[in-house]
Amino acid sequence: MNIVEDSQNHQNILHVWKANLKAYKNYLLLEKGLAKNSILSYERDVNKLISFMNEYQIDCTPAEIKEKEVQHFIYEHSKKSNPRSQARLISALRNFFNYLIFEKYRKDSPMALIESPKIGKKIPHTLSEGDIDTLINSIDLSQPQGERNRCILETLYGCGLRVSELLELKISDLFFDEGFVRVVGKGKKVRFVPINEHTVQIINNYITYNRPSIEPKKGFEDTLFLNRRGKKLTREMIFTIVKKMAEVASIHKVISPHTFRHSFATHLLERGADLRSIQQMLGHESITTTEIYLHLDTSFLKKTIEKHHPRSSKKD
């Protein structure tokens, strides 16, 4: 085979990879119901393998690639990434090849004997109750978007929402008479989150006095939080709002929109809420995901054992 034929063959193989990746993305969207950002994350990791094969001129289709090629890729990737990033990459590739097996494109997985690096549980960053109050109280309500921004932060903290859930929140999702908010979470799973009276009042004030000043664009009439052009806010905009508010409040901690979700769970746990209830409110599929909050503050555990264990009341 000459150089021209080699080059053409290589391009054909890359095309096969891209076609399989496209089919995989459709599967994640239509069959698994994953969110757009989750799909993009899987796509990025598979594309890293494709780029590696292109760089090293490895001519194997998804059906032909062996463990040694994948191990070579993971080894090169590990030189410039941390264990958590490596674990995510390995998980993404494992899911991709399992999909190919499911579709009968190949019989086994080159990931079968590849182990993920051991990583400890990452303790989430949280704010104290005082930090939350300071941050929200520092918002200038005289500014055009002040009421909206306060409402965004109050809703993130008051309901423990993910950013994607906040952005998708509709006015028709607000069941204030019943005391709940309808939330569409990961995998388009719906849950009803209880909402406190304070957050209800903040949202009602925003809907009554602030939101009417913005003319919603077609298709966004029911969207709760709008930008100045009447469209849905972006994730980037929410991150920018949180960052600016933290700077104004002089809070020098690692803060993101997700920090309010972590703080929501932590403060509930510290005040005596049970882990199972917090799991349901956060929309965690597994209780082990929620258990990370047990590592943040164990002082309440001692109080729990003293209050509830039958031996605690006995005297020598």
C-alpha atoms as a PDB file:
ATOM      1  CA  MET A   1       0.000   0.000   0.000  1.00  0.00           C
ATOM      2  CA  ASN A   2       1.490   3.388  -1.010  1.00  0.00           C
ATOM      3  CA  ILE A   3       1.490   6.644   0.985  1.00  0.00           C
ATOM      4  CA  VAL A   4      -1.686   7.943  -0.695  1.00  0.00           C
ATOM      5  CA  GLU A   5      -3.543   4.712   0.041  1.00  0.00           C
ATOM      6  CA  ASP A   6      -2.250   4.728   3.633  1.00  0.00           C
ATOM      7  CA  SER A   7      -3.530   8.247   4.136  1.00  0.00           C
ATOM      8  CA  GLN A   8      -6.908   7.420   2.632  1.00  0.00           C
ATOM      9  CA  ASN A   9      -7.222   4.313   4.778  1.00  0.00           C
ATOM     10  CA  HIS A  10      -6.392   6.331   7.891  1.00  0.00           C
ATOM     11  CA  GLN A  11      -9.053   8.924   7.049  1.00  0.00           C
ATOM     12  CA  ASN A  12     -11.613   6.200   6.440  1.00  0.00           C
ATOM     13  CA  ILE A  13     -10.907   4.738   9.873  1.00  0.00           C
ATOM     14  CA  LEU A  14     -11.265   8.144  11.519  1.00  0.00           C
ATOM     15  CA  HIS A  15     -14.582   8.519   9.731  1.00  0.00           C
ATOM     16  CA  VAL A  16     -15.730   5.194  11.217  1.00  0.00           C
ATOM     17  CA  TRP A  17     -14.821   6.426  14.695  1.00  0.00           C
ATOM     18  CA  LYS A  18     -16.729   9.675  14.194  1.00  0.00           C
ATOM     19  CA  ALA A  19     -19.763   7.808  12.883  1.00  0.00           C
ATOM     20  CA  ASN A  20     -19.778   5.481  15.886  1.00  0.00           C
ATOM     21  CA  LEU A  21     -19.386   8.417  18.262  1.00  0.00           C
ATOM     22  CA  LYS A  22     -22.323  10.200  16.627  1.00  0.00           C
ATOM     23  CA  ALA A  23     -24.487   7.077  16.993  1.00  0.00           C
ATOM     24  CA  TYR A  24     -23.367   6.798  20.627  1.00  0.00           C
ATOM     25  CA  LYS A  25     -24.396  10.402  21.326  1.00  0.00           C
ATOM     26  CA  ASN A  26     -27.845   9.731  19.870  1.00  0.00           C
ATOM     27  CA  TYR A  27     -28.110   6.654  22.090  1.00  0.00           C
ATOM     28  CA  LEU A  28     -27.219   8.673  25.206  1.00  0.00           C
ATOM     29  CA  LEU A  29     -29.793  11.303  24.291  1.00  0.00           C
ATOM     30  CA  LEU A  30     -32.702   9.191  23.082  1.00  0.00           C
ATOM     31  CA  GLU A  31     -32.267   5.922  24.972  1.00  0.00           C
ATOM     32  CA  LYS A  32     -30.540   6.992  28.180  1.00  0.00           C
ATOM     33  CA  GLY A  33     -32.080  10.461  28.391  1.00  0.00           C
ATOM     34  CA  LEU A  34     -28.831  12.098  29.528  1.00  0.00           C
ATOM     35  CA  ALA A  35     -28.525  15.860  29.819  1.00  0.00           C
ATOM     36  CA  LYS A  36     -26.719  17.815  27.109  1.00  0.00           C
ATOM     37  CA  ASN A  37     -23.729  18.598  29.328  1.00  0.00           C
ATOM     38  CA  SER A  38     -23.302  14.943  30.308  1.00  0.00           C
ATOM     39  CA  ILE A  39     -23.333  13.912  26.650  1.00  0.00           C
ATOM     40  CA  LEU A  40     -20.756  16.590  25.801  1.00  0.00           C
ATOM     41  CA  SER A  41     -18.520  15.268  28.576  1.00  0.00           C
ATOM     42  CA  TYR A  42     -18.681  11.706  27.189  1.00  0.00           C
ATOM     43  CA  GLU A  43     -18.036  13.030  23.690  1.00  0.00           C
ATOM     44  CA  ARG A  44     -14.946  14.979  24.797  1.00  0.00           C
ATOM     45  CA  ASP A  45     -13.391  11.910  26.398  1.00  0.00           C
ATOM     46  CA  VAL A  46     -13.977   9.643  23.401  1.00  0.00           C
ATOM     47  CA  ASN A  47     -12.640  12.381  21.115  1.00  0.00           C
ATOM     48  CA  LYS A  48      -9.417  12.388  23.148  1.00  0.00           C
ATOM     49  CA  LEU A  49      -8.904   8.752  22.194  1.00  0.00           C
ATOM     50  CA  ILE A  50      -9.683   9.533  18.545  1.00  0.00           C
ATOM     51  CA  SER A  51      -7.185  12.430  18.548  1.00  0.00           C
ATOM     52  CA  PHE A  52      -4.558  10.165  20.104  1.00  0.00           C
ATOM     53  CA  MET A  53      -5.055   7.559  17.388  1.00  0.00           C
ATOM     54  CA  ASN A  54      -4.811  10.233  14.728  1.00  0.00           C
ATOM     55  CA  GLU A  55      -1.604  11.626  16.249  1.00  0.00           C
ATOM     56  CA  TYR A  56       0.058   8.210  16.509  1.00  0.00           C
ATOM     57  CA  GLN A  57      -1.353   6.987  13.181  1.00  0.00           C
ATOM     58  CA  ILE A  58      -3.009   3.958  14.791  1.00  0.00           C
ATOM     59  CA  ASP A  59      -5.264   2.400  12.179  1.00  0.00           C
ATOM     60  CA  CYS A  60      -7.823   0.483  14.219  1.00  0.00           C
ATOM     61  CA  THR A  61     -11.581   0.861  13.972  1.00  0.00           C
ATOM     62  CA  PRO A  62     -13.686   0.832  17.173  1.00  0.00           C
ATOM     63  CA  ALA A  63     -14.303  -2.860  16.482  1.00  0.00           C
ATOM     64  CA  GLU A  64     -10.583  -3.645  16.121  1.00  0.00           C
ATOM     65  CA  ILE A  65      -8.851  -1.632  18.831  1.00  0.00           C
ATOM     66  CA  LYS A  66      -7.181  -3.751  21.513  1.00  0.00           C
ATOM     67  CA  GLU A  67      -6.371  -3.266  25.174  1.00  0.00           C
ATOM     68  CA  LYS A  68      -2.727  -2.387  24.492  1.00  0.00           C
ATOM     69  CA  GLU A  69      -3.662   0.625  22.315  1.00  0.00           C
ATOM     70  CA  VAL A  70      -6.111   1.886  24.948  1.00  0.00           C
ATOM     71  CA  GLN A  71      -3.546   1.374  27.717  1.00  0.00           C
ATOM     72  CA  HIS A  72      -1.001   3.360  25.715  1.00  0.00           C
ATOM     73  CA  PHE A  73      -3.505   6.200  25.372  1.00  0.00           C
ATOM     74  CA  ILE A  74      -4.403   6.177  29.072  1.00  0.00           C
ATOM     75  CA  TYR A  75      -0.721   6.158  30.016  1.00  0.00           C
ATOM     76  CA  GLU A  76      -0.015   9.222  27.856  1.00  0.00           C
ATOM     77  CA  HIS A  77      -3.123  10.969  29.208  1.00  0.00           C
ATOM     78  CA  SER A  78      -2.075  10.234  32.819  1.00  0.00           C
ATOM     79  CA  LYS A  79       1.107  12.285  32.362  1.00  0.00           C
ATOM     80  CA  LYS A  80      -0.935  15.494  32.188  1.00  0.00           C
ATOM     81  CA  SER A  81      -3.996  14.744  34.300  1.00  0.00           C
ATOM     82  CA  ASN A  82      -4.916  14.003  37.902  1.00  0.00           C
ATOM     83  CA  PRO A  83      -6.385  10.688  39.146  1.00  0.00           C
ATOM     84  CA  ARG A  84      -9.933  12.056  39.169  1.00  0.00           C
ATOM     85  CA  SER A  85      -9.672  13.098  35.523  1.00  0.00           C
ATOM     86  CA  GLN A  86      -8.198   9.692  34.626  1.00  0.00           C
ATOM     87  CA  ALA A  87     -11.026   7.893  36.409  1.00  0.00           C
ATOM     88  CA  ARG A  88     -13.629   9.906  34.529  1.00  0.00           C
ATOM     89  CA  LEU A  89     -11.885   9.201  31.205  1.00  0.00           C
ATOM     90  CA  ILE A  90     -11.731   5.454  31.880  1.00  0.00           C
ATOM     91  CA  SER A  91     -15.386   5.430  32.889  1.00  0.00           C
ATOM     92  CA  ALA A  92     -16.371   7.270  29.697  1.00  0.00           C
ATOM     93  CA  LEU A  93     -14.421   4.857  27.476  1.00  0.00           C
ATOM     94  CA  ARG A  94     -15.825   1.854  29.327  1.00  0.00           C
ATOM     95  CA  ASN A  95     -19.366   3.107  28.667  1.00  0.00           C
ATOM     96  CA  PHE A  96     -18.565   3.753  24.995  1.00  0.00           C
ATOM     97  CA  PHE A  97     -17.232   0.243  24.374  1.00  0.00           C
ATOM     98  CA  ASN A  98     -20.086  -1.312  26.360  1.00  0.00           C
ATOM     99  CA  TYR A  99     -22.417   0.494  23.978  1.00  0.00           C
ATOM    100  CA  LEU A 100     -20.584  -1.034  20.996  1.00  0.00           C
ATOM    101  CA  ILE A 101     -21.011  -4.475  22.566  1.00  0.00           C
ATOM    102  CA  PHE A 102     -24.697  -3.729  23.152  1.00  0.00           C
ATOM    103  CA  GLU A 103     -25.031  -2.845  19.471  1.00  0.00           C
ATOM    104  CA  LYS A 104     -23.145  -6.070  18.562  1.00  0.00           C
ATOM    105  CA  TYR A 105     -20.390  -4.037  16.899  1.00  0.00           C
ATOM    106  CA  ARG A 106     -17.802  -5.941  18.898  1.00  0.00           C
ATOM    107  CA  LYS A 107     -17.866  -8.965  21.226  1.00  0.00           C
ATOM    108  CA  ASP A 108     -15.691  -7.755  24.085  1.00  0.00           C
ATOM    109  CA  SER A 109     -14.358  -4.564  25.621  1.00  0.00           C
ATOM    110  CA  PRO A 110     -10.698  -3.439  25.531  1.00  0.00           C
ATOM    111  CA  MET A 111     -11.476  -1.814  28.919  1.00  0.00           C
ATOM    112  CA  ALA A 112     -12.274  -5.116  30.667  1.00  0.00           C
ATOM    113  CA  LEU A 113      -8.957  -5.411  32.511  1.00  0.00           C
ATOM    114  CA  ILE A 114      -8.186  -1.694  32.844  1.00  0.00           C
ATOM    115  CA  GLU A 115      -8.704  -0.420  36.392  1.00  0.00           C
ATOM    116  CA  SER A 116      -9.479   3.131  37.438  1.00  0.00           C
ATOM    117  CA  PRO A 117      -7.032   4.863  39.784  1.00  0.00           C
ATOM    118  CA  LYS A 118      -8.029   4.941  43.430  1.00  0.00           C
ATOM    119  CA  ILE A 119      -9.356   8.342  44.399  1.00  0.00           C
ATOM    120  CA  GLY A 120     -10.684   9.554  47.692  1.00  0.00           C
ATOM    121  CA  LYS A 121     -14.058  11.187  48.077  1.00  0.00           C
ATOM    122  CA  LYS A 122     -13.884  14.848  47.202  1.00  0.00           C
ATOM    123  CA  ILE A 123     -15.231  16.937  50.057  1.00  0.00           C
ATOM    124  CA  PRO A 124     -17.460  19.647  48.553  1.00  0.00           C
ATOM    125  CA  HIS A 125     -16.924  23.334  49.297  1.00  0.00           C
ATOM    126  CA  THR A 126     -19.664  24.912  51.387  1.00  0.00           C
ATOM    127  CA  LEU A 127     -20.589  28.282  52.815  1.00  0.00           C
ATOM    128  CA  SER A 128     -21.649  28.927  56.376  1.00  0.00           C
ATOM    129  CA  GLU A 129     -25.139  30.246  57.076  1.00  0.00           C
ATOM    130  CA  GLY A 130     -23.522  33.611  57.822  1.00  0.00           C
ATOM    131  CA  ASP A 131     -21.667  33.571  54.490  1.00  0.00           C
ATOM    132  CA  ILE A 132     -24.935  32.905  52.663  1.00  0.00           C
ATOM    133  CA  ASP A 133     -26.631  35.852  54.384  1.00  0.00           C
ATOM    134  CA  THR A 134     -23.662  38.159  53.750  1.00  0.00           C
ATOM    135  CA  LEU A 135     -23.499  37.236  50.079  1.00  0.00           C
ATOM    136  CA  ILE A 136     -27.213  37.662  49.404  1.00  0.00           C
ATOM    137  CA  ASN A 137     -27.493  40.858  51.463  1.00  0.00           C
ATOM    138  CA  SER A 138     -24.635  42.416  49.462  1.00  0.00           C
ATOM    139  CA  ILE A 139     -26.685  42.356  46.243  1.00  0.00           C
ATOM    140  CA  ASP A 140     -27.585  45.874  45.070  1.00  0.00           C
ATOM    141  CA  LEU A 141     -31.355  45.657  44.608  1.00  0.00           C
ATOM    142  CA  SER A 142     -31.439  49.091  42.971  1.00  0.00           C
ATOM    143  CA  GLN A 143     -29.702  47.632  39.922  1.00  0.00           C
ATOM    144  CA  PRO A 144     -31.933  46.365  37.060  1.00  0.00           C
ATOM    145  CA  GLN A 145     -31.046  42.705  37.631  1.00  0.00           C
ATOM    146  CA  GLY A 146     -30.626  42.915  41.395  1.00  0.00           C
ATOM    147  CA  GLU A 147     -33.957  41.312  42.336  1.00  0.00           C
ATOM    148  CA  ARG A 148     -33.490  38.585  39.749  1.00  0.00           C
ATOM    149  CA  ASN A 149     -29.981  37.773  40.954  1.00  0.00           C
ATOM    150  CA  ARG A 150     -31.108  37.625  44.579  1.00  0.00           C
ATOM    151  CA  CYS A 151     -33.945  35.333  43.547  1.00  0.00           C
ATOM    152  CA  ILE A 152     -31.503  33.073  41.683  1.00  0.00           C
ATOM    153  CA  LEU A 153     -29.247  32.649  44.721  1.00  0.00           C
ATOM    154  CA  GLU A 154     -32.188  32.195  47.100  1.00  0.00           C
ATOM    155  CA  THR A 155     -33.626  29.506  44.834  1.00  0.00           C
ATOM    156  CA  LEU A 156     -30.308  27.668  44.461  1.00  0.00           C
ATOM    157  CA  TYR A 157     -29.852  27.649  48.230  1.00  0.00           C
ATOM    158  CA  GLY A 158     -33.511  27.310  49.239  1.00  0.00           C
ATOM    159  CA  CYS A 159     -34.176  24.279  47.035  1.00  0.00           C
ATOM    160  CA  GLY A 160     -30.704  22.758  46.573  1.00  0.00           C
ATOM    161  CA  LEU A 161     -30.933  22.831  42.782  1.00  0.00           C
ATOM    162  CA  ARG A 162     -28.309  22.044  40.175  1.00  0.00           C
ATOM    163  CA  VAL A 163     -27.579  24.893  37.741  1.00  0.00           C
ATOM    164  CA  SER A 164     -29.237  22.998  34.883  1.00  0.00           C
ATOM    165  CA  GLU A 165     -32.352  22.499  37.012  1.00  0.00           C
ATOM    166  CA  LEU A 166     -32.505  26.192  37.871  1.00  0.00           C
ATOM    167  CA  LEU A 167     -32.196  27.199  34.215  1.00  0.00           C
ATOM    168  CA  GLU A 168     -35.020  24.852  33.189  1.00  0.00           C
ATOM    169  CA  LEU A 169     -37.351  25.992  35.980  1.00  0.00           C
ATOM    170  CA  LYS A 170     -40.750  27.120  34.675  1.00  0.00           C
ATOM    171  CA  ILE A 171     -43.378  29.314  36.301  1.00  0.00           C
ATOM    172  CA  SER A 172     -45.763  26.407  35.777  1.00  0.00           C
ATOM    173  CA  ASP A 173     -43.404  24.260  37.916  1.00  0.00           C
ATOM    174  CA  LEU A 174     -44.159  26.362  41.007  1.00  0.00           C
ATOM    175  CA  PHE A 175     -46.784  24.754  43.213  1.00  0.00           C
ATOM    176  CA  PHE A 176     -46.616  27.194  46.097  1.00  0.00           C
ATOM    177  CA  ASP A 177     -50.061  26.380  47.515  1.00  0.00           C
ATOM    178  CA  GLU A 178     -48.864  22.805  47.992  1.00  0.00           C
ATOM    179  CA  GLY A 179     -45.400  23.935  49.108  1.00  0.00           C
ATOM    180  CA  PHE A 180     -43.421  22.223  46.306  1.00  0.00           C
ATOM    181  CA  VAL A 181     -41.403  22.995  43.192  1.00  0.00           C
ATOM    182  CA  ARG A 182     -41.381  20.583  40.258  1.00  0.00           C
ATOM    183  CA  VAL A 183     -37.778  19.915  39.191  1.00  0.00           C
ATOM    184  CA  VAL A 184     -36.540  18.089  36.089  1.00  0.00           C
ATOM    185  CA  GLY A 185     -33.207  16.552  37.058  1.00  0.00           C
ATOM    186  CA  LYS A 186     -30.593  14.332  35.447  1.00  0.00           C
ATOM    187  CA  GLY A 187     -31.957  11.874  32.916  1.00  0.00           C
ATOM    188  CA  LYS A 188     -35.126  13.998  32.776  1.00  0.00           C
ATOM    189  CA  LYS A 189     -36.242  12.489  36.075  1.00  0.00           C
ATOM    190  CA  VAL A 190     -38.903  14.586  37.774  1.00  0.00           C
ATOM    191  CA  ARG A 191     -38.959  15.191  41.512  1.00  0.00           C
ATOM    192  CA  PHE A 192     -40.916  17.536  43.777  1.00  0.00           C
ATOM    193  CA  VAL A 193     -38.771  19.584  46.145  1.00  0.00           C
ATOM    194  CA  PRO A 194     -40.325  21.253  49.198  1.00  0.00           C
ATOM    195  CA  ILE A 195     -39.858  25.012  49.343  1.00  0.00           C
ATOM    196  CA  ASN A 196     -39.806  27.253  52.412  1.00  0.00           C
ATOM    197  CA  GLU A 197     -41.978  30.340  52.842  1.00  0.00           C
ATOM    198  CA  HIS A 198     -39.028  32.749  52.655  1.00  0.00           C
ATOM    199  CA  THR A 199     -37.983  31.475  49.212  1.00  0.00           C
ATOM    200  CA  VAL A 200     -41.621  31.486  48.069  1.00  0.00           C
ATOM    201  CA  GLN A 201     -41.886  35.161  48.983  1.00  0.00           C
ATOM    202  CA  ILE A 202     -38.636  36.047  47.173  1.00  0.00           C
ATOM    203  CA  ILE A 203     -39.773  34.255  43.992  1.00  0.00           C
ATOM    204  CA  ASN A 204     -43.258  35.802  44.125  1.00  0.00           C
ATOM    205  CA  ASN A 205     -41.761  39.293  44.483  1.00  0.00           C
ATOM    206  CA  TYR A 206     -39.517  38.657  41.473  1.00  0.00           C
ATOM    207  CA  ILE A 207     -42.413  37.363  39.359  1.00  0.00           C
ATOM    208  CA  THR A 208     -44.698  40.230  40.399  1.00  0.00           C
ATOM    209  CA  TYR A 209     -42.388  43.250  40.292  1.00  0.00           C
ATOM    210  CA  ASN A 210     -39.241  42.402  38.319  1.00  0.00           C
ATOM    211  CA  ARG A 211     -39.897  39.801  35.653  1.00  0.00           C
ATOM    212  CA  PRO A 212     -42.760  41.763  33.950  1.00  0.00           C
ATOM    213  CA  SER A 213     -40.207  44.422  32.914  1.00  0.00           C
ATOM    214  CA  ILE A 214     -38.683  41.882  30.510  1.00  0.00           C
ATOM    215  CA  GLU A 215     -40.565  40.836  27.384  1.00  0.00           C
ATOM    216  CA  PRO A 216     -40.085  37.074  26.939  1.00  0.00           C
ATOM    217  CA  LYS A 217     -39.079  35.878  23.493  1.00  0.00           C
ATOM    218  CA  LYS A 218     -41.189  33.238  21.800  1.00  0.00           C
ATOM    219  CA  GLY A 219     -40.731  29.905  23.512  1.00  0.00           C
ATOM    220  CA  PHE A 220     -39.566  31.441  26.814  1.00  0.00           C
ATOM    221  CA  GLU A 221     -42.885  32.772  28.099  1.00  0.00           C
ATOM    222  CA  ASP A 222     -42.951  30.189  30.906  1.00  0.00           C
ATOM    223  CA  THR A 223     -39.220  30.296  31.760  1.00  0.00           C
ATOM    224  CA  LEU A 224     -38.730  31.651  35.268  1.00  0.00           C
ATOM    225  CA  PHE A 225     -35.330  33.336  34.944  1.00  0.00           C
ATOM    226  CA  LEU A 226     -34.727  35.459  31.861  1.00  0.00           C
ATOM    227  CA  ASN A 227     -31.832  37.531  30.598  1.00  0.00           C
ATOM    228  CA  ARG A 228     -32.264  41.122  29.411  1.00  0.00           C
ATOM    229  CA  ARG A 229     -33.180  39.891  25.939  1.00  0.00           C
ATOM    230  CA  GLY A 230     -36.043  37.756  27.218  1.00  0.00           C
ATOM    231  CA  LYS A 231     -34.326  34.398  26.783  1.00  0.00           C
ATOM    232  CA  LYS A 232     -33.175  31.670  29.157  1.00  0.00           C
ATOM    233  CA  LEU A 233     -29.986  32.386  31.071  1.00  0.00           C
ATOM    234  CA  THR A 234     -26.861  30.323  30.356  1.00  0.00           C
ATOM    235  CA  ARG A 235     -24.755  28.305  32.796  1.00  0.00           C
ATOM    236  CA  GLU A 236     -21.895  30.716  32.198  1.00  0.00           C
ATOM    237  CA  MET A 237     -24.065  33.662  33.206  1.00  0.00           C
ATOM    238  CA  ILE A 238     -25.022  32.001  36.502  1.00  0.00           C
ATOM    239  CA  PHE A 239     -21.342  31.322  37.255  1.00  0.00           C
ATOM    240  CA  THR A 240     -20.536  34.971  36.476  1.00  0.00           C
ATOM    241  CA  ILE A 241     -23.310  36.219  38.762  1.00  0.00           C
ATOM    242  CA  VAL A 242     -22.106  34.054  41.663  1.00  0.00           C
ATOM    243  CA  LYS A 243     -18.468  35.065  41.168  1.00  0.00           C
ATOM    244  CA  LYS A 244     -19.282  38.778  41.102  1.00  0.00           C
ATOM    245  CA  MET A 245     -21.525  38.538  44.153  1.00  0.00           C
ATOM    246  CA  ALA A 246     -18.759  36.746  46.093  1.00  0.00           C
ATOM    247  CA  GLU A 247     -16.287  39.506  45.172  1.00  0.00           C
ATOM    248  CA  VAL A 248     -18.694  42.234  46.291  1.00  0.00           C
ATOM    249  CA  ALA A 249     -19.339  40.392  49.570  1.00  0.00           C
ATOM    250  CA  SER A 250     -15.560  39.894  50.094  1.00  0.00           C
ATOM    251  CA  ILE A 251     -15.998  36.142  50.512  1.00  0.00           C
ATOM    252  CA  HIS A 252     -12.641  34.624  49.631  1.00  0.00           C
ATOM    253  CA  LYS A 253     -13.629  31.003  49.195  1.00  0.00           C
ATOM    254  CA  VAL A 254     -13.947  28.684  46.210  1.00  0.00           C
ATOM    255  CA  ILE A 255     -17.533  29.386  45.186  1.00  0.00           C
ATOM    256  CA  SER A 256     -19.664  28.202  42.282  1.00  0.00           C
ATOM    257  CA  PRO A 257     -23.431  27.816  41.823  1.00  0.00           C
ATOM    258  CA  HIS A 258     -23.040  24.234  43.058  1.00  0.00           C
ATOM    259  CA  THR A 259     -21.716  25.585  46.368  1.00  0.00           C
ATOM    260  CA  PHE A 260     -25.262  26.642  47.260  1.00  0.00           C
ATOM    261  CA  ARG A 261     -26.495  23.095  46.628  1.00  0.00           C
ATOM    262  CA  HIS A 262     -23.752  21.683  48.858  1.00  0.00           C
ATOM    263  CA  SER A 263     -24.543  24.278  51.531  1.00  0.00           C
ATOM    264  CA  PHE A 264     -28.258  23.435  51.340  1.00  0.00           C
ATOM    265  CA  ALA A 265     -27.563  19.768  52.078  1.00  0.00           C
ATOM    266  CA  THR A 266     -24.939  20.448  54.741  1.00  0.00           C
ATOM    267  CA  HIS A 267     -27.072  22.925  56.695  1.00  0.00           C
ATOM    268  CA  LEU A 268     -30.078  20.584  56.623  1.00  0.00           C
ATOM    269  CA  LEU A 269     -27.918  17.750  57.939  1.00  0.00           C
ATOM    270  CA  GLU A 270     -26.418  19.937  60.666  1.00  0.00           C
ATOM    271  CA  ARG A 271     -29.907  20.939  61.793  1.00  0.00           C
ATOM    272  CA  GLY A 272     -31.051  17.327  62.135  1.00  0.00           C
ATOM    273  CA  ALA A 273     -32.552  16.355  58.769  1.00  0.00           C
ATOM    274  CA  ASP A 274     -32.166  12.659  57.920  1.00  0.00           C
ATOM    275  CA  LEU A 275     -29.930  11.578  55.071  1.00  0.00           C
ATOM    276  CA  ARG A 276     -32.693   9.793  53.146  1.00  0.00           C
ATOM    277  CA  SER A 277     -34.832  12.945  52.978  1.00  0.00           C
ATOM    278  CA  ILE A 278     -31.856  14.983  51.775  1.00  0.00           C
ATOM    279  CA  GLN A 279     -31.172  12.331  49.125  1.00  0.00           C
ATOM    280  CA  GLN A 280     -34.705  12.680  47.785  1.00  0.00           C
ATOM    281  CA  MET A 281     -34.566  16.479  47.758  1.00  0.00           C
ATOM    282  CA  LEU A 282     -31.228  16.508  45.928  1.00  0.00           C
ATOM    283  CA  GLY A 283     -32.372  13.869  43.447  1.00  0.00           C
ATOM    284  CA  HIS A 284     -29.433  11.536  44.144  1.00  0.00           C
ATOM    285  CA  GLU A 285     -29.993   8.085  42.696  1.00  0.00           C
ATOM    286  CA  SER A 286     -27.780   6.474  45.335  1.00  0.00           C
ATOM    287  CA  ILE A 287     -27.601   7.248  49.048  1.00  0.00           C
ATOM    288  CA  THR A 288     -23.800   6.863  48.853  1.00  0.00           C
ATOM    289  CA  THR A 289     -23.664  10.100  46.839  1.00  0.00           C
ATOM    290  CA  THR A 290     -25.470  11.930  49.637  1.00  0.00           C
ATOM    291  CA  GLU A 291     -23.248  10.384  52.308  1.00  0.00           C
ATOM    292  CA  ILE A 292     -20.389  12.692  51.296  1.00  0.00           C
ATOM    293  CA  TYR A 293     -22.023  15.352  53.476  1.00  0.00           C
ATOM    294  CA  LEU A 294     -21.402  13.210  56.539  1.00  0.00           C
ATOM    295  CA  HIS A 295     -17.701  14.036  56.176  1.00  0.00           C
ATOM    296  CA  LEU A 296     -18.209  17.791  56.447  1.00  0.00           C
ATOM    297  CA  ASP A 297     -19.220  18.114  60.068  1.00  0.00           C
ATOM    298  CA  THR A 298     -19.463  15.180  62.434  1.00  0.00           C
ATOM    299  CA  SER A 299     -20.328  17.190  65.541  1.00  0.00           C
ATOM    300  CA  PHE A 300     -24.046  16.536  65.071  1.00  0.00           C
ATOM    301  CA  LEU A 301     -23.384  12.778  65.023  1.00  0.00           C
ATOM    302  CA  LYS A 302     -22.283  12.883  68.653  1.00  0.00           C
ATOM    303  CA  LYS A 303     -25.444  14.797  69.571  1.00  0.00           C
ATOM    304  CA  THR A 304     -27.537  12.236  67.680  1.00  0.00           C
ATOM    305  CA  ILE A 305     -26.070   9.265  69.537  1.00  0.00           C
ATOM    306  CA  GLU A 306     -26.445  11.039  72.872  1.00  0.00           C
ATOM    307  CA  LYS A 307     -30.061  11.910  72.152  1.00  0.00           C
ATOM    308  CA  HIS A 308     -31.348   8.746  70.514  1.00  0.00           C
ATOM    309  CA  HIS A 309     -29.267   5.731  71.619  1.00  0.00           C
ATOM    310  CA  PRO A 310     -30.932   3.788  74.473  1.00  0.00           C
ATOM    311  CA  ARG A 311     -27.618   3.384  76.321  1.00  0.00           C
ATOM    312  CA  SER A 312     -27.046   7.141  76.447  1.00  0.00           C
ATOM    313  CA  SER A 313     -29.619   7.625  79.226  1.00  0.00           C
ATOM    314  CA  LYS A 314     -28.190   4.902  81.480  1.00  0.00           C
ATOM    315  CA  LYS A 315     -26.094   5.858  84.481  1.00  0.00           C
ATOM    316  CA  ASP A 316     -23.400   3.738  86.136  1.00  0.00           C
END
